[in-house]
């Protein structure tokens, strides 16, 4: 429908686009894994989208390094993996929120252009 009425197909296309982007962000959150190694390569940690360390691999031959060095390497690798996973999650979530706001704003602007009288009536000016 067009000519001053609601363009249903354009509206549905916009909704489909938003839904596809939300689904993509959700899928990325579900499968997000960040791997980080300590500078000395003694420890490698993997964190998921929740910032949980889900794997830790230690290099062979740790006995020749002191326990303090090994502990520092583990903490460095895990902290970096968690930090990166949290940052990526924040990017995905903020992108989804921005997409929803833009979509809602666009729909409201389209409705206001097509139905100016209904929009004014809905604001309690009567």
N, C-alpha and C. Protein backbone atom coordinates (compact mmCIF):
# COMPACT_ATOMS: atom_id res chain seq x y z
N UNK A 1 0.85 -1.16 0.00
CA UNK A 1 0.00 0.00 0.00
C UNK A 1 0.90 1.23 0.00
N UNK A 2 0.57 2.22 -0.80
CA UNK A 2 1.36 3.44 -0.83
C UNK A 2 0.45 4.61 -1.09
N UNK A 3 1.01 5.78 -1.43
CA UNK A 3 0.19 6.95 -1.68
C UNK A 3 -0.34 7.54 -0.39
N UNK A 4 0.53 7.74 0.60
CA UNK A 4 0.09 8.32 1.86
C UNK A 4 -0.22 7.28 2.90
N UNK A 5 -0.42 6.03 2.50
CA UNK A 5 -0.68 4.97 3.46
C UNK A 5 0.61 4.32 3.90
N UNK A 6 0.48 3.40 4.80
CA UNK A 6 1.63 2.68 5.32
C UNK A 6 2.19 1.75 4.25
N UNK A 7 3.46 1.84 3.98
CA UNK A 7 4.13 0.95 3.03
C UNK A 7 4.49 -0.32 3.79
N UNK A 8 3.58 -1.28 3.76
CA UNK A 8 3.71 -2.50 4.55
C UNK A 8 4.95 -3.29 4.15
N UNK A 9 5.22 -3.40 2.87
CA UNK A 9 6.38 -4.18 2.42
C UNK A 9 7.69 -3.55 2.90
N UNK A 10 7.79 -2.22 2.83
CA UNK A 10 9.00 -1.55 3.30
C UNK A 10 9.16 -1.76 4.80
N UNK A 11 8.07 -1.68 5.52
CA UNK A 11 8.09 -1.88 6.97
C UNK A 11 8.52 -3.31 7.30
N UNK A 12 7.95 -4.28 6.59
CA UNK A 12 8.31 -5.69 6.82
C UNK A 12 9.77 -5.95 6.45
N UNK A 13 10.24 -5.33 5.37
CA UNK A 13 11.66 -5.49 5.00
C UNK A 13 12.56 -4.95 6.09
N UNK A 14 12.19 -3.81 6.67
CA UNK A 14 12.98 -3.23 7.75
C UNK A 14 12.99 -4.18 8.95
N UNK A 15 11.83 -4.74 9.29
CA UNK A 15 11.77 -5.68 10.41
C UNK A 15 12.60 -6.93 10.14
N UNK A 16 12.56 -7.42 8.90
CA UNK A 16 13.36 -8.60 8.55
C UNK A 16 14.85 -8.31 8.70
N UNK A 17 15.26 -7.13 8.28
CA UNK A 17 16.67 -6.74 8.41
C UNK A 17 17.10 -6.65 9.86
N UNK A 18 16.27 -6.05 10.68
CA UNK A 18 16.57 -5.94 12.11
C UNK A 18 16.64 -7.33 12.74
N UNK A 19 15.69 -8.18 12.40
CA UNK A 19 15.67 -9.53 12.96
C UNK A 19 16.91 -10.31 12.54
N UNK A 20 17.34 -10.16 11.30
CA UNK A 20 18.53 -10.87 10.83
C UNK A 20 19.78 -10.39 11.56
N UNK A 21 19.89 -9.09 11.78
CA UNK A 21 21.06 -8.56 12.49
C UNK A 21 21.05 -8.98 13.96
N UNK A 22 19.88 -9.00 14.58
CA UNK A 22 19.78 -9.46 15.98
C UNK A 22 20.17 -10.93 16.08
N UNK A 23 19.70 -11.72 15.11
CA UNK A 23 20.02 -13.15 15.12
C UNK A 23 21.53 -13.35 14.96
N UNK A 24 22.14 -12.58 14.08
CA UNK A 24 23.58 -12.68 13.88
C UNK A 24 24.33 -12.32 15.16
N UNK A 25 23.93 -11.25 15.82
CA UNK A 25 24.59 -10.85 17.07
C UNK A 25 24.40 -11.92 18.14
N UNK A 26 23.21 -12.50 18.21
CA UNK A 26 22.94 -13.57 19.18
C UNK A 26 23.82 -14.77 18.90
N UNK A 27 23.92 -15.16 17.63
CA UNK A 27 24.76 -16.30 17.27
C UNK A 27 26.22 -16.04 17.63
N UNK A 28 26.68 -14.82 17.39
CA UNK A 28 28.06 -14.48 17.73
C UNK A 28 28.28 -14.54 19.24
N UNK A 29 27.29 -14.09 20.00
CA UNK A 29 27.41 -14.16 21.46
C UNK A 29 27.46 -15.61 21.94
N UNK A 30 26.65 -16.45 21.32
CA UNK A 30 26.60 -17.86 21.72
C UNK A 30 27.92 -18.59 21.45
N UNK A 31 28.61 -18.20 20.39
CA UNK A 31 29.81 -18.93 19.99
C UNK A 31 31.11 -18.18 20.29
N UNK A 32 31.01 -17.00 20.89
CA UNK A 32 32.19 -16.17 21.13
C UNK A 32 33.20 -16.89 22.02
N UNK A 33 34.42 -16.96 21.54
CA UNK A 33 35.54 -17.48 22.30
C UNK A 33 36.74 -16.58 21.99
N UNK A 34 37.42 -16.15 23.04
CA UNK A 34 38.61 -15.33 22.88
C UNK A 34 39.78 -16.09 23.50
N UNK A 35 40.86 -16.21 22.74
CA UNK A 35 42.05 -16.92 23.19
C UNK A 35 43.17 -15.90 23.37
N UNK A 36 43.84 -15.97 24.51
CA UNK A 36 44.94 -15.05 24.78
C UNK A 36 46.05 -15.80 25.50
N UNK A 37 47.27 -15.48 25.09
CA UNK A 37 48.44 -16.10 25.72
C UNK A 37 49.23 -15.05 26.50
N UNK A 38 49.91 -15.51 27.53
CA UNK A 38 50.80 -14.62 28.27
C UNK A 38 51.97 -14.26 27.35
N UNK A 39 52.62 -13.15 27.67
CA UNK A 39 53.75 -12.71 26.84
C UNK A 39 54.84 -13.76 26.74
N UNK A 40 55.04 -14.52 27.81
CA UNK A 40 56.09 -15.54 27.80
C UNK A 40 55.61 -16.88 27.22
N UNK A 41 54.35 -16.92 26.79
CA UNK A 41 53.76 -18.11 26.16
C UNK A 41 53.66 -19.31 27.10
N UNK A 42 53.73 -19.09 28.39
CA UNK A 42 53.61 -20.20 29.34
C UNK A 42 52.16 -20.60 29.57
N UNK A 43 51.24 -19.66 29.38
CA UNK A 43 49.82 -19.94 29.62
C UNK A 43 48.98 -19.37 28.48
N UNK A 44 47.96 -20.14 28.08
CA UNK A 44 47.01 -19.70 27.07
C UNK A 44 45.61 -19.96 27.61
N UNK A 45 44.82 -18.90 27.69
CA UNK A 45 43.47 -19.02 28.25
C UNK A 45 42.44 -18.72 27.18
N UNK A 46 41.27 -19.36 27.32
CA UNK A 46 40.13 -19.12 26.44
C UNK A 46 38.96 -18.68 27.30
N UNK A 47 38.32 -17.56 26.92
CA UNK A 47 37.15 -17.06 27.65
C UNK A 47 35.96 -17.02 26.70
N UNK A 48 34.76 -17.22 27.26
CA UNK A 48 33.55 -17.17 26.46
C UNK A 48 32.88 -15.80 26.57
N UNK A 49 31.70 -15.66 25.98
CA UNK A 49 31.02 -14.37 25.94
C UNK A 49 30.59 -13.88 27.32
N UNK A 50 30.50 -14.77 28.27
CA UNK A 50 30.15 -14.37 29.63
C UNK A 50 31.35 -13.96 30.44
N UNK A 51 32.54 -14.01 29.84
CA UNK A 51 33.75 -13.66 30.56
C UNK A 51 34.25 -14.79 31.45
N UNK A 52 33.79 -16.00 31.16
CA UNK A 52 34.22 -17.16 31.94
C UNK A 52 35.38 -17.85 31.23
N UNK A 53 36.42 -18.16 31.98
CA UNK A 53 37.54 -18.91 31.41
C UNK A 53 37.07 -20.35 31.21
N UNK A 54 37.09 -20.80 29.96
CA UNK A 54 36.58 -22.14 29.65
C UNK A 54 37.70 -23.12 29.31
N UNK A 55 38.93 -22.60 29.16
CA UNK A 55 40.05 -23.49 28.88
C UNK A 55 41.34 -22.78 29.29
N UNK A 56 42.28 -23.57 29.76
CA UNK A 56 43.60 -23.05 30.13
C UNK A 56 44.62 -24.11 29.73
N UNK A 57 45.58 -23.70 28.90
CA UNK A 57 46.63 -24.60 28.45
C UNK A 57 47.96 -24.05 28.95
N UNK A 58 48.72 -24.92 29.59
CA UNK A 58 50.03 -24.53 30.10
C UNK A 58 51.11 -25.17 29.24
N UNK A 59 52.18 -24.42 29.02
CA UNK A 59 53.29 -24.91 28.20
C UNK A 59 54.00 -26.05 28.91
N UNK A 60 54.58 -26.96 28.15
CA UNK A 60 55.36 -28.03 28.78
C UNK A 60 56.61 -27.46 29.45
N UNK A 61 57.13 -28.16 30.42
CA UNK A 61 58.37 -27.78 31.06
C UNK A 61 58.23 -26.66 32.07
N UNK A 62 57.08 -26.56 32.72
CA UNK A 62 56.87 -25.47 33.68
C UNK A 62 57.74 -25.58 34.92
N UNK A 63 58.25 -26.75 35.20
CA UNK A 63 59.03 -26.96 36.43
C UNK A 63 60.29 -26.09 36.48
N UNK A 64 60.80 -25.76 35.31
CA UNK A 64 62.04 -24.96 35.33
C UNK A 64 61.75 -23.47 35.60
N UNK A 65 60.48 -23.11 35.59
CA UNK A 65 60.07 -21.74 35.91
C UNK A 65 59.55 -21.75 37.35
N UNK A 66 59.73 -20.70 38.05
CA UNK A 66 59.25 -20.64 39.42
C UNK A 66 57.73 -20.56 39.46
N UNK A 67 57.15 -20.95 40.58
CA UNK A 67 55.69 -20.94 40.73
C UNK A 67 55.13 -19.53 40.58
N UNK A 68 55.88 -18.52 41.02
CA UNK A 68 55.41 -17.14 40.88
C UNK A 68 55.34 -16.72 39.42
N UNK A 69 56.30 -17.15 38.62
CA UNK A 69 56.29 -16.84 37.19
C UNK A 69 55.12 -17.51 36.51
N UNK A 70 54.90 -18.78 36.83
CA UNK A 70 53.79 -19.53 36.23
C UNK A 70 52.46 -18.90 36.63
N UNK A 71 52.31 -18.58 37.91
CA UNK A 71 51.07 -17.96 38.39
C UNK A 71 50.83 -16.62 37.68
N UNK A 72 51.87 -15.82 37.54
CA UNK A 72 51.73 -14.53 36.86
C UNK A 72 51.33 -14.72 35.40
N UNK A 73 51.88 -15.72 34.75
CA UNK A 73 51.54 -16.00 33.36
C UNK A 73 50.08 -16.43 33.22
N UNK A 74 49.62 -17.26 34.15
CA UNK A 74 48.23 -17.70 34.14
C UNK A 74 47.30 -16.50 34.34
N UNK A 75 47.61 -15.68 35.31
CA UNK A 75 46.77 -14.50 35.57
C UNK A 75 46.77 -13.54 34.39
N UNK A 76 47.91 -13.35 33.76
CA UNK A 76 47.99 -12.46 32.60
C UNK A 76 47.12 -12.98 31.45
N UNK A 77 47.26 -14.26 31.14
CA UNK A 77 46.51 -14.84 30.02
C UNK A 77 45.00 -14.83 30.30
N UNK A 78 44.61 -15.23 31.51
CA UNK A 78 43.18 -15.29 31.81
C UNK A 78 42.56 -13.90 31.88
N UNK A 79 43.26 -12.95 32.50
CA UNK A 79 42.72 -11.59 32.59
C UNK A 79 42.55 -10.97 31.21
N UNK A 80 43.52 -11.18 30.33
CA UNK A 80 43.43 -10.61 28.99
C UNK A 80 42.31 -11.26 28.19
N UNK A 81 42.16 -12.57 28.29
CA UNK A 81 41.09 -13.27 27.57
C UNK A 81 39.72 -12.79 28.04
N UNK A 82 39.55 -12.67 29.35
CA UNK A 82 38.28 -12.19 29.91
C UNK A 82 38.00 -10.76 29.49
N UNK A 83 39.00 -9.91 29.54
CA UNK A 83 38.83 -8.50 29.14
C UNK A 83 38.41 -8.40 27.67
N UNK A 84 39.07 -9.15 26.81
CA UNK A 84 38.73 -9.12 25.39
C UNK A 84 37.32 -9.67 25.14
N UNK A 85 36.95 -10.74 25.83
CA UNK A 85 35.62 -11.33 25.66
C UNK A 85 34.55 -10.35 26.13
N UNK A 86 34.78 -9.69 27.25
CA UNK A 86 33.82 -8.70 27.75
C UNK A 86 33.69 -7.52 26.79
N UNK A 87 34.79 -7.08 26.22
CA UNK A 87 34.76 -5.96 25.27
C UNK A 87 33.98 -6.35 24.01
N UNK A 88 34.21 -7.56 23.53
CA UNK A 88 33.50 -8.01 22.31
C UNK A 88 32.01 -8.16 22.59
N UNK A 89 31.66 -8.71 23.77
CA UNK A 89 30.25 -8.83 24.14
C UNK A 89 29.60 -7.46 24.19
N UNK A 90 30.27 -6.49 24.78
CA UNK A 90 29.74 -5.13 24.87
C UNK A 90 29.51 -4.54 23.48
N UNK A 91 30.44 -4.78 22.56
CA UNK A 91 30.26 -4.31 21.18
C UNK A 91 29.02 -4.92 20.54
N UNK A 92 28.85 -6.22 20.70
CA UNK A 92 27.70 -6.90 20.10
C UNK A 92 26.39 -6.41 20.70
N UNK A 93 26.36 -6.28 22.02
CA UNK A 93 25.12 -5.85 22.68
C UNK A 93 24.80 -4.41 22.34
N UNK A 94 25.79 -3.52 22.38
CA UNK A 94 25.51 -2.11 22.06
C UNK A 94 25.10 -1.96 20.61
N UNK A 95 25.65 -2.77 19.72
CA UNK A 95 25.24 -2.73 18.33
C UNK A 95 23.79 -3.16 18.16
N UNK A 96 23.37 -4.16 18.91
CA UNK A 96 21.99 -4.63 18.84
C UNK A 96 21.03 -3.59 19.39
N UNK A 97 21.41 -2.94 20.48
CA UNK A 97 20.56 -1.91 21.08
C UNK A 97 20.45 -0.72 20.12
N UNK A 98 21.57 -0.32 19.54
CA UNK A 98 21.55 0.80 18.59
C UNK A 98 20.67 0.46 17.39
N UNK A 99 20.76 -0.77 16.92
CA UNK A 99 19.94 -1.20 15.79
C UNK A 99 18.46 -1.11 16.13
N UNK A 100 18.09 -1.54 17.33
CA UNK A 100 16.69 -1.48 17.75
C UNK A 100 16.21 -0.03 17.86
N UNK A 101 17.03 0.84 18.41
CA UNK A 101 16.65 2.25 18.56
C UNK A 101 16.48 2.90 17.19
N UNK A 102 17.42 2.64 16.29
CA UNK A 102 17.34 3.21 14.95
C UNK A 102 16.10 2.69 14.23
N UNK A 103 15.82 1.40 14.35
CA UNK A 103 14.64 0.82 13.71
C UNK A 103 13.35 1.41 14.26
N UNK A 104 13.29 1.56 15.56
CA UNK A 104 12.08 2.13 16.19
C UNK A 104 11.90 3.59 15.79
N UNK A 105 13.01 4.34 15.80
CA UNK A 105 12.94 5.75 15.42
C UNK A 105 12.50 5.89 13.96
N UNK A 106 13.06 5.04 13.09
CA UNK A 106 12.68 5.09 11.68
C UNK A 106 11.21 4.77 11.48
N UNK A 107 10.70 3.78 12.19
CA UNK A 107 9.28 3.43 12.07
C UNK A 107 8.39 4.56 12.57
N UNK A 108 8.79 5.20 13.67
CA UNK A 108 8.01 6.31 14.21
C UNK A 108 8.02 7.50 13.26
N UNK A 109 9.19 7.77 12.66
CA UNK A 109 9.27 8.88 11.71
C UNK A 109 8.43 8.62 10.47
N UNK A 110 8.48 7.38 9.98
CA UNK A 110 7.65 7.01 8.82
C UNK A 110 6.17 7.18 9.14
N UNK A 111 5.76 6.71 10.32
CA UNK A 111 4.36 6.82 10.73
C UNK A 111 3.95 8.29 10.86
N UNK A 112 4.84 9.11 11.42
CA UNK A 112 4.52 10.53 11.59
C UNK A 112 4.38 11.23 10.25
N UNK A 113 5.21 10.87 9.28
CA UNK A 113 5.11 11.47 7.95
C UNK A 113 3.83 11.06 7.24
N UNK A 114 3.47 9.82 7.42
CA UNK A 114 2.30 9.31 6.68
C UNK A 114 0.98 9.65 7.36
N UNK A 115 1.00 9.83 8.68
CA UNK A 115 -0.23 10.07 9.43
C UNK A 115 -0.02 11.21 10.43
N UNK A 116 0.20 12.44 9.96
CA UNK A 116 0.50 13.53 10.88
C UNK A 116 -0.63 13.82 11.87
N UNK A 117 -1.88 13.68 11.46
CA UNK A 117 -3.00 13.96 12.36
C UNK A 117 -3.06 12.95 13.50
N UNK A 118 -2.82 11.68 13.19
CA UNK A 118 -2.88 10.63 14.22
C UNK A 118 -1.75 10.81 15.23
N UNK A 119 -0.59 11.27 14.77
CA UNK A 119 0.54 11.43 15.68
C UNK A 119 0.27 12.57 16.65
N UNK A 120 -0.29 13.68 16.14
CA UNK A 120 -0.61 14.79 17.03
C UNK A 120 -1.69 14.40 18.03
N UNK A 121 -2.68 13.67 17.60
CA UNK A 121 -3.77 13.24 18.50
C UNK A 121 -3.24 12.34 19.59
N UNK A 122 -2.23 11.56 19.29
CA UNK A 122 -1.66 10.63 20.26
C UNK A 122 -0.82 11.32 21.31
N UNK A 123 -0.53 12.58 21.16
CA UNK A 123 0.31 13.29 22.12
C UNK A 123 -0.50 14.05 23.17
N UNK A 124 -1.76 13.86 23.21
CA UNK A 124 -2.57 14.46 24.25
C UNK A 124 -2.78 15.95 24.08
N UNK A 125 -2.80 16.43 22.84
CA UNK A 125 -2.96 17.86 22.61
C UNK A 125 -4.43 18.25 22.53
N UNK A 126 -5.33 17.32 22.73
CA UNK A 126 -6.74 17.61 22.54
C UNK A 126 -7.48 17.71 23.75
